[in-house]
Protein backbone atom coordinates (compact mmCIF):
# COMPACT_ATOMS: atom_id res chain seq x y z
CA UNK A 1 0.00 0.00 0.00
CA UNK A 2 1.35 3.36 -1.02
CA UNK A 3 0.12 6.83 -0.34
CA UNK A 4 -0.70 9.21 -3.17
CA UNK A 5 2.48 10.67 -4.67
CA UNK A 6 4.47 7.87 -2.95
CA UNK A 7 7.52 6.08 -4.33
CA UNK A 8 7.46 2.40 -5.29
CA UNK A 9 10.79 0.56 -5.64
CA UNK A 10 10.72 -2.81 -7.38
CA UNK A 11 13.84 -4.83 -6.54
CA UNK A 12 13.39 -8.42 -7.58
CA UNK A 13 13.83 -11.13 -10.13
CA UNK A 14 10.71 -12.45 -11.83
CA UNK A 15 10.42 -15.99 -13.15
CA UNK A 16 7.65 -14.99 -15.54
CA UNK A 17 6.30 -11.77 -17.04
CA UNK A 18 4.62 -9.46 -14.53
CA UNK A 19 1.75 -7.16 -15.41
CA UNK A 20 0.83 -3.88 -13.77
CA UNK A 21 -2.29 -1.73 -13.91
CA UNK A 22 -0.56 1.49 -14.96
CA UNK A 23 -3.78 3.50 -14.61
CA UNK A 24 -3.56 3.10 -10.83
CA UNK A 25 0.09 4.13 -10.80
CA UNK A 26 -0.25 7.15 -13.09
CA UNK A 27 -3.84 8.36 -12.99
CA UNK A 28 -5.01 7.54 -9.46
CA UNK A 29 -1.97 7.55 -7.18
CA UNK A 30 0.58 9.48 -9.26
CA UNK A 31 3.38 7.27 -7.97
CA UNK A 32 7.09 7.49 -8.65
CA UNK A 33 8.26 4.05 -9.82
CA UNK A 34 11.88 2.95 -9.56
CA UNK A 35 13.28 -0.41 -10.55
CA UNK A 36 16.46 -2.27 -9.85
CA UNK A 37 17.97 -5.65 -10.56
CA UNK A 38 21.13 -7.41 -9.55
CA UNK A 39 23.91 -6.54 -11.94
CA UNK A 40 25.90 -9.22 -13.77
CA UNK A 41 28.93 -8.69 -11.54
CA UNK A 42 27.23 -8.73 -8.12
CA UNK A 43 27.70 -12.36 -7.17
CA UNK A 44 31.48 -12.64 -7.70
CA UNK A 45 32.02 -9.42 -5.74
CA UNK A 46 29.71 -10.56 -2.91
CA UNK A 47 31.47 -13.93 -2.72
CA UNK A 48 34.87 -12.22 -2.63
CA UNK A 49 33.73 -9.86 0.17
CA UNK A 50 32.48 -12.83 2.23
CA UNK A 51 35.65 -14.83 1.56
CA UNK A 52 37.89 -11.89 2.52
CA UNK A 53 35.93 -11.25 5.72
CA UNK A 54 34.76 -7.80 4.60
CA UNK A 55 31.14 -8.91 5.07
CA UNK A 56 30.01 -11.02 8.02
CA UNK A 57 27.20 -13.50 7.56
CA UNK A 58 26.45 -13.73 11.30
CA UNK A 59 23.65 -11.20 10.94
CA UNK A 60 22.28 -12.85 7.79
CA UNK A 61 22.26 -16.63 8.36
CA UNK A 62 19.67 -17.50 10.98
CA UNK A 63 19.63 -21.29 10.55
CA UNK A 64 22.16 -23.85 9.32
CA UNK A 65 20.99 -27.41 8.73
CA UNK A 66 22.46 -30.50 7.08
CA UNK A 67 21.16 -31.24 3.60
CA UNK A 68 19.22 -34.30 4.75
CA UNK A 69 17.03 -31.97 6.87
CA UNK A 70 15.97 -29.98 3.79
CA UNK A 71 12.26 -30.46 4.52
CA UNK A 72 12.66 -28.87 7.96
CA UNK A 73 14.66 -26.03 6.37
CA UNK A 74 11.88 -25.39 3.85
CA UNK A 75 9.30 -25.32 6.65
CA UNK A 76 11.39 -22.84 8.67
CA UNK A 77 11.87 -20.61 5.62
CA UNK A 78 8.20 -20.72 4.63
CA UNK A 79 7.05 -19.79 8.14
CA UNK A 80 9.38 -16.79 8.07
CA UNK A 81 9.32 -16.48 11.85
CA UNK A 82 12.71 -15.72 13.38
CA UNK A 83 14.25 -16.59 10.04
CA UNK A 84 16.31 -14.52 7.66
CA UNK A 85 18.44 -16.98 5.67
CA UNK A 86 18.39 -20.78 5.99
CA UNK A 87 21.53 -22.52 4.76
CA UNK A 88 21.75 -26.20 3.85
CA UNK A 89 25.15 -27.88 4.19
CA UNK A 90 26.05 -30.82 1.99
CA UNK A 91 27.96 -33.69 3.56
CA UNK A 92 31.73 -33.65 3.10
CA UNK A 93 32.92 -35.44 -0.04
C-alpha atoms as a PDB file:
ATOM      1  CA  UNK A   1       0.000   0.000   0.000  1.00  0.00           C
ATOM      2  CA  UNK A   2       1.354   3.359  -1.015  1.00  0.00           C
ATOM      3  CA  UNK A   3       0.117   6.830  -0.344  1.00  0.00           C
ATOM      4  CA  UNK A   4      -0.705   9.208  -3.170  1.00  0.00           C
ATOM      5  CA  UNK A   5       2.480  10.666  -4.670  1.00  0.00           C
ATOM      6  CA  UNK A   6       4.473   7.866  -2.949  1.00  0.00           C
ATOM      7  CA  UNK A   7       7.524   6.077  -4.328  1.00  0.00           C
ATOM      8  CA  UNK A   8       7.458   2.397  -5.285  1.00  0.00           C
ATOM      9  CA  UNK A   9      10.785   0.563  -5.642  1.00  0.00           C
ATOM     10  CA  UNK A  10      10.720  -2.812  -7.382  1.00  0.00           C
ATOM     11  CA  UNK A  11      13.836  -4.826  -6.537  1.00  0.00           C
ATOM     12  CA  UNK A  12      13.390  -8.416  -7.575  1.00  0.00           C
ATOM     13  CA  UNK A  13      13.834 -11.130 -10.130  1.00  0.00           C
ATOM     14  CA  UNK A  14      10.709 -12.453 -11.833  1.00  0.00           C
ATOM     15  CA  UNK A  15      10.417 -15.995 -13.151  1.00  0.00           C
ATOM     16  CA  UNK A  16       7.650 -14.990 -15.538  1.00  0.00           C
ATOM     17  CA  UNK A  17       6.304 -11.769 -17.042  1.00  0.00           C
ATOM     18  CA  UNK A  18       4.619  -9.457 -14.534  1.00  0.00           C
ATOM     19  CA  UNK A  19       1.749  -7.158 -15.409  1.00  0.00           C
ATOM     20  CA  UNK A  20       0.831  -3.882 -13.775  1.00  0.00           C
ATOM     21  CA  UNK A  21      -2.288  -1.729 -13.906  1.00  0.00           C
ATOM     22  CA  UNK A  22      -0.560   1.490 -14.963  1.00  0.00           C
ATOM     23  CA  UNK A  23      -3.778   3.503 -14.606  1.00  0.00           C
ATOM     24  CA  UNK A  24      -3.561   3.104 -10.829  1.00  0.00           C
ATOM     25  CA  UNK A  25       0.086   4.133 -10.804  1.00  0.00           C
ATOM     26  CA  UNK A  26      -0.245   7.152 -13.089  1.00  0.00           C
ATOM     27  CA  UNK A  27      -3.842   8.357 -12.987  1.00  0.00           C
ATOM     28  CA  UNK A  28      -5.010   7.544  -9.462  1.00  0.00           C
ATOM     29  CA  UNK A  29      -1.970   7.547  -7.178  1.00  0.00           C
ATOM     30  CA  UNK A  30       0.581   9.478  -9.257  1.00  0.00           C
ATOM     31  CA  UNK A  31       3.380   7.273  -7.973  1.00  0.00           C
ATOM     32  CA  UNK A  32       7.086   7.491  -8.652  1.00  0.00           C
ATOM     33  CA  UNK A  33       8.263   4.048  -9.822  1.00  0.00           C
ATOM     34  CA  UNK A  34      11.880   2.946  -9.562  1.00  0.00           C
ATOM     35  CA  UNK A  35      13.284  -0.411 -10.551  1.00  0.00           C
ATOM     36  CA  UNK A  36      16.458  -2.274  -9.850  1.00  0.00           C
ATOM     37  CA  UNK A  37      17.973  -5.653 -10.556  1.00  0.00           C
ATOM     38  CA  UNK A  38      21.134  -7.411  -9.552  1.00  0.00           C
ATOM     39  CA  UNK A  39      23.914  -6.544 -11.937  1.00  0.00           C
ATOM     40  CA  UNK A  40      25.895  -9.220 -13.766  1.00  0.00           C
ATOM     41  CA  UNK A  41      28.930  -8.694 -11.537  1.00  0.00           C
ATOM     42  CA  UNK A  42      27.225  -8.727  -8.119  1.00  0.00           C
ATOM     43  CA  UNK A  43      27.702 -12.358  -7.167  1.00  0.00           C
ATOM     44  CA  UNK A  44      31.483 -12.637  -7.705  1.00  0.00           C
ATOM     45  CA  UNK A  45      32.019  -9.418  -5.744  1.00  0.00           C
ATOM     46  CA  UNK A  46      29.712 -10.556  -2.910  1.00  0.00           C
ATOM     47  CA  UNK A  47      31.465 -13.930  -2.720  1.00  0.00           C
ATOM     48  CA  UNK A  48      34.867 -12.216  -2.627  1.00  0.00           C
ATOM     49  CA  UNK A  49      33.725  -9.863   0.172  1.00  0.00           C
ATOM     50  CA  UNK A  50      32.483 -12.833   2.229  1.00  0.00           C
ATOM     51  CA  UNK A  51      35.652 -14.830   1.558  1.00  0.00           C
ATOM     52  CA  UNK A  52      37.889 -11.891   2.517  1.00  0.00           C
ATOM     53  CA  UNK A  53      35.931 -11.254   5.720  1.00  0.00           C
ATOM     54  CA  UNK A  54      34.757  -7.799   4.604  1.00  0.00           C
ATOM     55  CA  UNK A  55      31.143  -8.908   5.075  1.00  0.00           C
ATOM     56  CA  UNK A  56      30.011 -11.023   8.018  1.00  0.00           C
ATOM     57  CA  UNK A  57      27.196 -13.499   7.564  1.00  0.00           C
ATOM     58  CA  UNK A  58      26.454 -13.732  11.297  1.00  0.00           C
ATOM     59  CA  UNK A  59      23.650 -11.204  10.941  1.00  0.00           C
ATOM     60  CA  UNK A  60      22.280 -12.847   7.786  1.00  0.00           C
ATOM     61  CA  UNK A  61      22.263 -16.631   8.360  1.00  0.00           C
ATOM     62  CA  UNK A  62      19.667 -17.496  10.983  1.00  0.00           C
ATOM     63  CA  UNK A  63      19.629 -21.292  10.546  1.00  0.00           C
ATOM     64  CA  UNK A  64      22.159 -23.848   9.317  1.00  0.00           C
ATOM     65  CA  UNK A  65      20.991 -27.406   8.731  1.00  0.00           C
ATOM     66  CA  UNK A  66      22.459 -30.500   7.081  1.00  0.00           C
ATOM     67  CA  UNK A  67      21.161 -31.237   3.600  1.00  0.00           C
ATOM     68  CA  UNK A  68      19.220 -34.304   4.753  1.00  0.00           C
ATOM     69  CA  UNK A  69      17.034 -31.972   6.869  1.00  0.00           C
ATOM     70  CA  UNK A  70      15.967 -29.985   3.794  1.00  0.00           C
ATOM     71  CA  UNK A  71      12.256 -30.464   4.524  1.00  0.00           C
ATOM     72  CA  UNK A  72      12.661 -28.865   7.957  1.00  0.00           C
ATOM     73  CA  UNK A  73      14.660 -26.034   6.367  1.00  0.00           C
ATOM     74  CA  UNK A  74      11.875 -25.388   3.854  1.00  0.00           C
ATOM     75  CA  UNK A  75       9.298 -25.316   6.649  1.00  0.00           C
ATOM     76  CA  UNK A  76      11.389 -22.838   8.670  1.00  0.00           C
ATOM     77  CA  UNK A  77      11.873 -20.607   5.624  1.00  0.00           C
ATOM     78  CA  UNK A  78       8.202 -20.722   4.630  1.00  0.00           C
ATOM     79  CA  UNK A  79       7.046 -19.792   8.140  1.00  0.00           C
ATOM     80  CA  UNK A  80       9.378 -16.794   8.068  1.00  0.00           C
ATOM     81  CA  UNK A  81       9.317 -16.477  11.845  1.00  0.00           C
ATOM     82  CA  UNK A  82      12.709 -15.723  13.378  1.00  0.00           C
ATOM     83  CA  UNK A  83      14.255 -16.587  10.036  1.00  0.00           C
ATOM     84  CA  UNK A  84      16.313 -14.523   7.664  1.00  0.00           C
ATOM     85  CA  UNK A  85      18.438 -16.981   5.671  1.00  0.00           C
ATOM     86  CA  UNK A  86      18.389 -20.779   5.986  1.00  0.00           C
ATOM     87  CA  UNK A  87      21.533 -22.519   4.761  1.00  0.00           C
ATOM     88  CA  UNK A  88      21.753 -26.203   3.848  1.00  0.00           C
ATOM     89  CA  UNK A  89      25.154 -27.876   4.187  1.00  0.00           C
ATOM     90  CA  UNK A  90      26.053 -30.824   1.993  1.00  0.00           C
ATOM     91  CA  UNK A  91      27.963 -33.694   3.563  1.00  0.00           C
ATOM     92  CA  UNK A  92      31.734 -33.651   3.096  1.00  0.00           C
ATOM     93  CA  UNK A  93      32.919 -35.445  -0.039  1.00  0.00           C
END
